Amino acid sequence: GIRLGTPACTTRGFGIAEFRQVGALIAEVLDAVAQSEDGSAPLVEASVKEKVHALTARFPIYSD
């Protein structure tokens, strides 16, 4: 199994919607890797990375 710590996300202000989005992003990567022949999915990983950056940009660790 995978254990994910949530304190870093709740500290940033993530709510239910954001945690659902995080779950969907994890599932997107895992599904792509499972379907690939060599166990990698660089295009999906790059796409998810951009989505993670967009999500975390909305919830900065330190406010200005």
PDB file of N, CA and C in Angstrom:
ATOM      1  N   GLY A   1       0.806  -1.174   0.000  1.00  0.00           N
ATOM      2  CA  GLY A   1       0.000   0.000   0.000  1.00  0.00           C
ATOM      3  C   GLY A   1       0.861   1.254   0.000  1.00  0.00           C
ATOM      4  N   ILE A   2       0.210   2.336  -0.168  1.00  0.00           N
ATOM      5  CA  ILE A   2       0.860   3.637  -0.172  1.00  0.00           C
ATOM      6  C   ILE A   2       0.341   4.425   1.019  1.00  0.00           C
ATOM      7  N   ARG A   3       1.250   4.966   1.790  1.00  0.00           N
ATOM      8  CA  ARG A   3       0.863   5.809   2.915  1.00  0.00           C
ATOM      9  C   ARG A   3       1.229   7.242   2.575  1.00  0.00           C
ATOM     10  N   LEU A   4       0.255   8.102   2.650  1.00  0.00           N
ATOM     11  CA  LEU A   4       0.478   9.507   2.348  1.00  0.00           C
ATOM     12  C   LEU A   4       0.203  10.337   3.594  1.00  0.00           C
ATOM     13  N   GLY A   5       1.118  11.221   3.901  1.00  0.00           N
ATOM     14  CA  GLY A   5       0.910  12.124   5.022  1.00  0.00           C
ATOM     15  C   GLY A   5       0.112  13.330   4.564  1.00  0.00           C
ATOM     16  N   THR A   6      -0.893  13.694   5.321  1.00  0.00           N
ATOM     17  CA  THR A   6      -1.737  14.816   4.935  1.00  0.00           C
ATOM     18  C   THR A   6      -1.405  16.133   5.629  1.00  0.00           C
ATOM     19  N   PRO A   7      -0.604  16.165   6.696  1.00  0.00           N
ATOM     20  CA  PRO A   7      -0.369  17.441   7.371  1.00  0.00           C
ATOM     21  C   PRO A   7       0.175  18.546   6.464  1.00  0.00           C
ATOM     22  N   ALA A   8       1.051  18.216   5.557  1.00  0.00           N
ATOM     23  CA  ALA A   8       1.604  19.247   4.665  1.00  0.00           C
ATOM     24  C   ALA A   8       0.509  19.855   3.797  1.00  0.00           C
ATOM     25  N   CYS A   9      -0.433  19.043   3.397  1.00  0.00           N
ATOM     26  CA  CYS A   9      -1.526  19.548   2.556  1.00  0.00           C
ATOM     27  C   CYS A   9      -2.532  20.351   3.368  1.00  0.00           C
ATOM     28  N   THR A  10      -2.874  19.874   4.559  1.00  0.00           N
ATOM     29  CA  THR A  10      -3.828  20.629   5.376  1.00  0.00           C
ATOM     30  C   THR A  10      -3.217  21.940   5.851  1.00  0.00           C
ATOM     31  N   THR A  11      -1.919  21.949   6.098  1.00  0.00           N
ATOM     32  CA  THR A  11      -1.239  23.185   6.480  1.00  0.00           C
ATOM     33  C   THR A  11      -1.343  24.215   5.362  1.00  0.00           C
ATOM     34  N   ARG A  12      -1.293  23.738   4.132  1.00  0.00           N
ATOM     35  CA  ARG A  12      -1.410  24.643   2.976  1.00  0.00           C
ATOM     36  C   ARG A  12      -2.835  25.117   2.776  1.00  0.00           C
ATOM     37  N   GLY A  13      -3.786  24.426   3.388  1.00  0.00           N
ATOM     38  CA  GLY A  13      -5.184  24.819   3.253  1.00  0.00           C
ATOM     39  C   GLY A  13      -6.002  23.947   2.322  1.00  0.00           C
ATOM     40  N   PHE A  14      -5.476  22.791   1.941  1.00  0.00           N
ATOM     41  CA  PHE A  14      -6.233  21.889   1.081  1.00  0.00           C
ATOM     42  C   PHE A  14      -7.518  21.473   1.797  1.00  0.00           C
ATOM     43  N   GLY A  15      -8.586  21.403   1.026  1.00  0.00           N
ATOM     44  CA  GLY A  15      -9.857  20.911   1.526  1.00  0.00           C
ATOM     45  C   GLY A  15     -10.207  19.603   0.831  1.00  0.00           C
ATOM     46  N   ILE A  16     -11.448  19.215   0.969  1.00  0.00           N
ATOM     47  CA  ILE A  16     -11.899  17.945   0.389  1.00  0.00           C
ATOM     48  C   ILE A  16     -11.689  17.919  -1.123  1.00  0.00           C
ATOM     49  N   ALA A  17     -12.029  18.989  -1.797  1.00  0.00           N
ATOM     50  CA  ALA A  17     -11.897  19.031  -3.265  1.00  0.00           C
ATOM     51  C   ALA A  17     -10.449  18.840  -3.696  1.00  0.00           C
ATOM     52  N   GLU A  18      -9.530  19.468  -2.977  1.00  0.00           N
ATOM     53  CA  GLU A  18      -8.109  19.353  -3.337  1.00  0.00           C
ATOM     54  C   GLU A  18      -7.588  17.941  -3.068  1.00  0.00           C
ATOM     55  N   PHE A  19      -8.029  17.324  -1.972  1.00  0.00           N
ATOM     56  CA  PHE A  19      -7.599  15.953  -1.702  1.00  0.00           C
ATOM     57  C   PHE A  19      -8.160  14.987  -2.736  1.00  0.00           C
ATOM     58  N   ARG A  20      -9.356  15.252  -3.211  1.00  0.00           N
ATOM     59  CA  ARG A  20      -9.901  14.424  -4.299  1.00  0.00           C
ATOM     60  C   ARG A  20      -9.057  14.589  -5.559  1.00  0.00           C
ATOM     61  N   GLN A  21      -8.638  15.820  -5.811  1.00  0.00           N
ATOM     62  CA  GLN A  21      -7.791  16.082  -6.979  1.00  0.00           C
ATOM     63  C   GLN A  21      -6.454  15.359  -6.833  1.00  0.00           C
ATOM     64  N   VAL A  22      -5.868  15.396  -5.648  1.00  0.00           N
ATOM     65  CA  VAL A  22      -4.606  14.685  -5.402  1.00  0.00           C
ATOM     66  C   VAL A  22      -4.799  13.193  -5.666  1.00  0.00           C
ATOM     67  N   GLY A  23      -5.887  12.630  -5.169  1.00  0.00           N
ATOM     68  CA  GLY A  23      -6.170  11.216  -5.407  1.00  0.00           C
ATOM     69  C   GLY A  23      -6.312  10.896  -6.882  1.00  0.00           C
ATOM     70  N   ALA A  24      -6.987  11.768  -7.610  1.00  0.00           N
ATOM     71  CA  ALA A  24      -7.155  11.567  -9.051  1.00  0.00           C
ATOM     72  C   ALA A  24      -5.820  11.642  -9.777  1.00  0.00           C
ATOM     73  N   LEU A  25      -4.942  12.536  -9.338  1.00  0.00           N
ATOM     74  CA  LEU A  25      -3.619  12.650  -9.962  1.00  0.00           C
ATOM     75  C   LEU A  25      -2.783  11.397  -9.705  1.00  0.00           C
ATOM     76  N   ILE A  26      -2.844  10.892  -8.490  1.00  0.00           N
ATOM     77  CA  ILE A  26      -2.123   9.656  -8.168  1.00  0.00           C
ATOM     78  C   ILE A  26      -2.655   8.515  -9.024  1.00  0.00           C
ATOM     79  N   ALA A  27      -3.976   8.406  -9.124  1.00  0.00           N
ATOM     80  CA  ALA A  27      -4.584   7.345  -9.926  1.00  0.00           C
ATOM     81  C   ALA A  27      -4.210   7.475 -11.397  1.00  0.00           C
ATOM     82  N   GLU A  28      -4.136   8.695 -11.889  1.00  0.00           N
ATOM     83  CA  GLU A  28      -3.763   8.933 -13.289  1.00  0.00           C
ATOM     84  C   GLU A  28      -2.369   8.378 -13.584  1.00  0.00           C
ATOM     85  N   VAL A  29      -1.428   8.643 -12.695  1.00  0.00           N
ATOM     86  CA  VAL A  29      -0.064   8.140 -12.886  1.00  0.00           C
ATOM     87  C   VAL A  29      -0.034   6.621 -12.759  1.00  0.00           C
ATOM     88  N   LEU A  30      -0.662   6.087 -11.719  1.00  0.00           N
ATOM     89  CA  LEU A  30      -0.639   4.636 -11.510  1.00  0.00           C
ATOM     90  C   LEU A  30      -1.295   3.893 -12.665  1.00  0.00           C
ATOM     91  N   ASP A  31      -2.417   4.400 -13.163  1.00  0.00           N
ATOM     92  CA  ASP A  31      -3.083   3.762 -14.303  1.00  0.00           C
ATOM     93  C   ASP A  31      -2.192   3.769 -15.541  1.00  0.00           C
ATOM     94  N   ALA A  32      -1.543   4.891 -15.803  1.00  0.00           N
ATOM     95  CA  ALA A  32      -0.677   4.996 -16.980  1.00  0.00           C
ATOM     96  C   ALA A  32       0.520   4.066 -16.872  1.00  0.00           C
ATOM     97  N   VAL A  33       1.117   4.002 -15.700  1.00  0.00           N
ATOM     98  CA  VAL A  33       2.274   3.127 -15.494  1.00  0.00           C
ATOM     99  C   VAL A  33       1.852   1.665 -15.630  1.00  0.00           C
ATOM    100  N   ALA A  34       0.694   1.320 -15.086  1.00  0.00           N
ATOM    101  CA  ALA A  34       0.210  -0.061 -15.160  1.00  0.00           C
ATOM    102  C   ALA A  34      -0.075  -0.480 -16.600  1.00  0.00           C
ATOM    103  N   GLN A  35      -0.492   0.457 -17.423  1.00  0.00           N
ATOM    104  CA  GLN A  35      -0.826   0.140 -18.809  1.00  0.00           C
ATOM    105  C   GLN A  35       0.376   0.171 -19.747  1.00  0.00           C
ATOM    106  N   SER A  36       1.481   0.725 -19.286  1.00  0.00           N
ATOM    107  CA  SER A  36       2.658   0.814 -20.156  1.00  0.00           C
ATOM    108  C   SER A  36       3.404  -0.511 -20.171  1.00  0.00           C
ATOM    109  N   GLU A  37       4.102  -0.746 -21.247  1.00  0.00           N
ATOM    110  CA  GLU A  37       4.847  -1.993 -21.383  1.00  0.00           C
ATOM    111  C   GLU A  37       6.110  -2.011 -20.539  1.00  0.00           C
ATOM    112  N   ASP A  38       6.717  -0.850 -20.342  1.00  0.00           N
ATOM    113  CA  ASP A  38       7.991  -0.809 -19.621  1.00  0.00           C
ATOM    114  C   ASP A  38       7.877  -0.229 -18.213  1.00  0.00           C
ATOM    115  N   GLY A  39       6.647   0.016 -17.765  1.00  0.00           N
ATOM    116  CA  GLY A  39       6.464   0.524 -16.409  1.00  0.00           C
ATOM    117  C   GLY A  39       6.748   1.997 -16.248  1.00  0.00           C
ATOM    118  N   SER A  40       6.762   2.725 -17.357  1.00  0.00           N
ATOM    119  CA  SER A  40       6.971   4.170 -17.265  1.00  0.00           C
ATOM    120  C   SER A  40       5.917   4.880 -18.108  1.00  0.00           C
ATOM    121  N   ALA A  41       5.682   6.116 -17.766  1.00  0.00           N
ATOM    122  CA  ALA A  41       4.709   6.923 -18.497  1.00  0.00           C
ATOM    123  C   ALA A  41       5.146   8.380 -18.438  1.00  0.00           C
ATOM    124  N   PRO A  42       6.244   8.706 -19.119  1.00  0.00           N
ATOM    125  CA  PRO A  42       6.808  10.047 -18.982  1.00  0.00           C
ATOM    126  C   PRO A  42       5.874  11.180 -19.404  1.00  0.00           C
ATOM    127  N   LEU A  43       5.046  10.970 -20.414  1.00  0.00           N
ATOM    128  CA  LEU A  43       4.138  12.038 -20.834  1.00  0.00           C
ATOM    129  C   LEU A  43       3.075  12.307 -19.776  1.00  0.00           C
ATOM    130  N   VAL A  44       2.541  11.243 -19.193  1.00  0.00           N
ATOM    131  CA  VAL A  44       1.547  11.403 -18.128  1.00  0.00           C
ATOM    132  C   VAL A  44       2.203  12.008 -16.898  1.00  0.00           C
ATOM    133  N   GLU A  45       3.393  11.547 -16.574  1.00  0.00           N
ATOM    134  CA  GLU A  45       4.105  12.093 -15.417  1.00  0.00           C
ATOM    135  C   GLU A  45       4.355  13.589 -15.590  1.00  0.00           C
ATOM    136  N   ALA A  46       4.733  14.013 -16.779  1.00  0.00           N
ATOM    137  CA  ALA A  46       4.974  15.436 -17.037  1.00  0.00           C
ATOM    138  C   ALA A  46       3.675  16.233 -16.934  1.00  0.00           C
ATOM    139  N   SER A  47       2.599  15.673 -17.453  1.00  0.00           N
ATOM    140  CA  SER A  47       1.298  16.331 -17.380  1.00  0.00           C
ATOM    141  C   SER A  47       0.840  16.487 -15.934  1.00  0.00           C
ATOM    142  N   VAL A  48       0.991  15.434 -15.158  1.00  0.00           N
ATOM    143  CA  VAL A  48       0.588  15.476 -13.750  1.00  0.00           C
ATOM    144  C   VAL A  48       1.470  16.448 -12.973  1.00  0.00           C
ATOM    145  N   LYS A  49       2.732  16.496 -13.313  1.00  0.00           N
ATOM    146  CA  LYS A  49       3.641  17.438 -12.643  1.00  0.00           C
ATOM    147  C   LYS A  49       3.151  18.873 -12.833  1.00  0.00           C
ATOM    148  N   GLU A  50       2.725  19.211 -14.045  1.00  0.00           N
ATOM    149  CA  GLU A  50       2.192  20.551 -14.313  1.00  0.00           C
ATOM    150  C   GLU A  50       0.928  20.808 -13.496  1.00  0.00           C
ATOM    151  N   LYS A  51       0.073  19.795 -13.396  1.00  0.00           N
ATOM    152  CA  LYS A  51      -1.159  19.936 -12.616  1.00  0.00           C
ATOM    153  C   LYS A  51      -0.856  20.122 -11.130  1.00  0.00           C
ATOM    154  N   VAL A  52       0.160  19.424 -10.641  1.00  0.00           N
ATOM    155  CA  VAL A  52       0.564  19.574  -9.237  1.00  0.00           C
ATOM    156  C   VAL A  52       1.087  20.984  -8.994  1.00  0.00           C
ATOM    157  N   HIS A  53       1.897  21.489  -9.908  1.00  0.00           N
ATOM    158  CA  HIS A  53       2.410  22.857  -9.769  1.00  0.00           C
ATOM    159  C   HIS A  53       1.258  23.867  -9.748  1.00  0.00           C
ATOM    160  N   ALA A  54       0.271  23.670 -10.614  1.00  0.00           N
ATOM    161  CA  ALA A  54      -0.879  24.576 -10.651  1.00  0.00           C
ATOM    162  C   ALA A  54      -1.677  24.505  -9.350  1.00  0.00           C
ATOM    163  N   LEU A  55      -1.864  23.302  -8.840  1.00  0.00           N
ATOM    164  CA  LEU A  55      -2.603  23.130  -7.585  1.00  0.00           C
ATOM    165  C   LEU A  55      -1.869  23.773  -6.420  1.00  0.00           C
ATOM    166  N   THR A  56      -0.595  23.478  -6.287  1.00  0.00           N
ATOM    167  CA  THR A  56       0.151  24.003  -5.140  1.00  0.00           C
ATOM    168  C   THR A  56       0.375  25.507  -5.238  1.00  0.00           C
ATOM    169  N   ALA A  57       0.365  26.056  -6.445  1.00  0.00           N
ATOM    170  CA  ALA A  57       0.508  27.508  -6.598  1.00  0.00           C
ATOM    171  C   ALA A  57      -0.680  28.244  -5.986  1.00  0.00           C
ATOM    172  N   ARG A  58      -1.832  27.581  -5.961  1.00  0.00           N
ATOM    173  CA  ARG A  58      -3.025  28.189  -5.359  1.00  0.00           C
ATOM    174  C   ARG A  58      -2.968  28.179  -3.834  1.00  0.00           C
ATOM    175  N   PHE A  59      -2.071  27.369  -3.274  1.00  0.00           N
ATOM    176  CA  PHE A  59      -1.962  27.210  -1.825  1.00  0.00           C
ATOM    177  C   PHE A  59      -0.501  27.331  -1.406  1.00  0.00           C
ATOM    178  N   PRO A  60       0.058  28.534  -1.466  1.00  0.00           N
ATOM    179  CA  PRO A  60       1.480  28.694  -1.123  1.00  0.00           C
ATOM    180  C   PRO A  60       1.752  28.348   0.342  1.00  0.00           C
ATOM    181  N   ILE A  61       2.957  27.874   0.593  1.00  0.00           N
ATOM    182  CA  ILE A  61       3.354  27.529   1.960  1.00  0.00           C
ATOM    183  C   ILE A  61       3.410  28.790   2.812  1.00  0.00           C
ATOM    184  N   TYR A  62       3.955  29.844   2.245  1.00  0.00           N
ATOM    185  CA  TYR A  62       4.065  31.119   2.954  1.00  0.00           C
ATOM    186  C   TYR A  62       3.290  32.168   2.180  1.00  0.00           C
ATOM    187  N   SER A  63       2.456  32.917   2.865  1.00  0.00           N
ATOM    188  CA  SER A  63       1.729  33.988   2.182  1.00  0.00           C
ATOM    189  C   SER A  63       2.634  35.204   2.035  1.00  0.00           C
ATOM    190  N   ASP A  64       2.365  35.981   1.013  1.00  0.00           N
ATOM    191  CA  ASP A  64       3.179  37.178   0.755  1.00  0.00           C
ATOM    192  C   ASP A  64       2.858  38.286   1.728  1.00  0.00           C
TER     193      ASP A  64
END
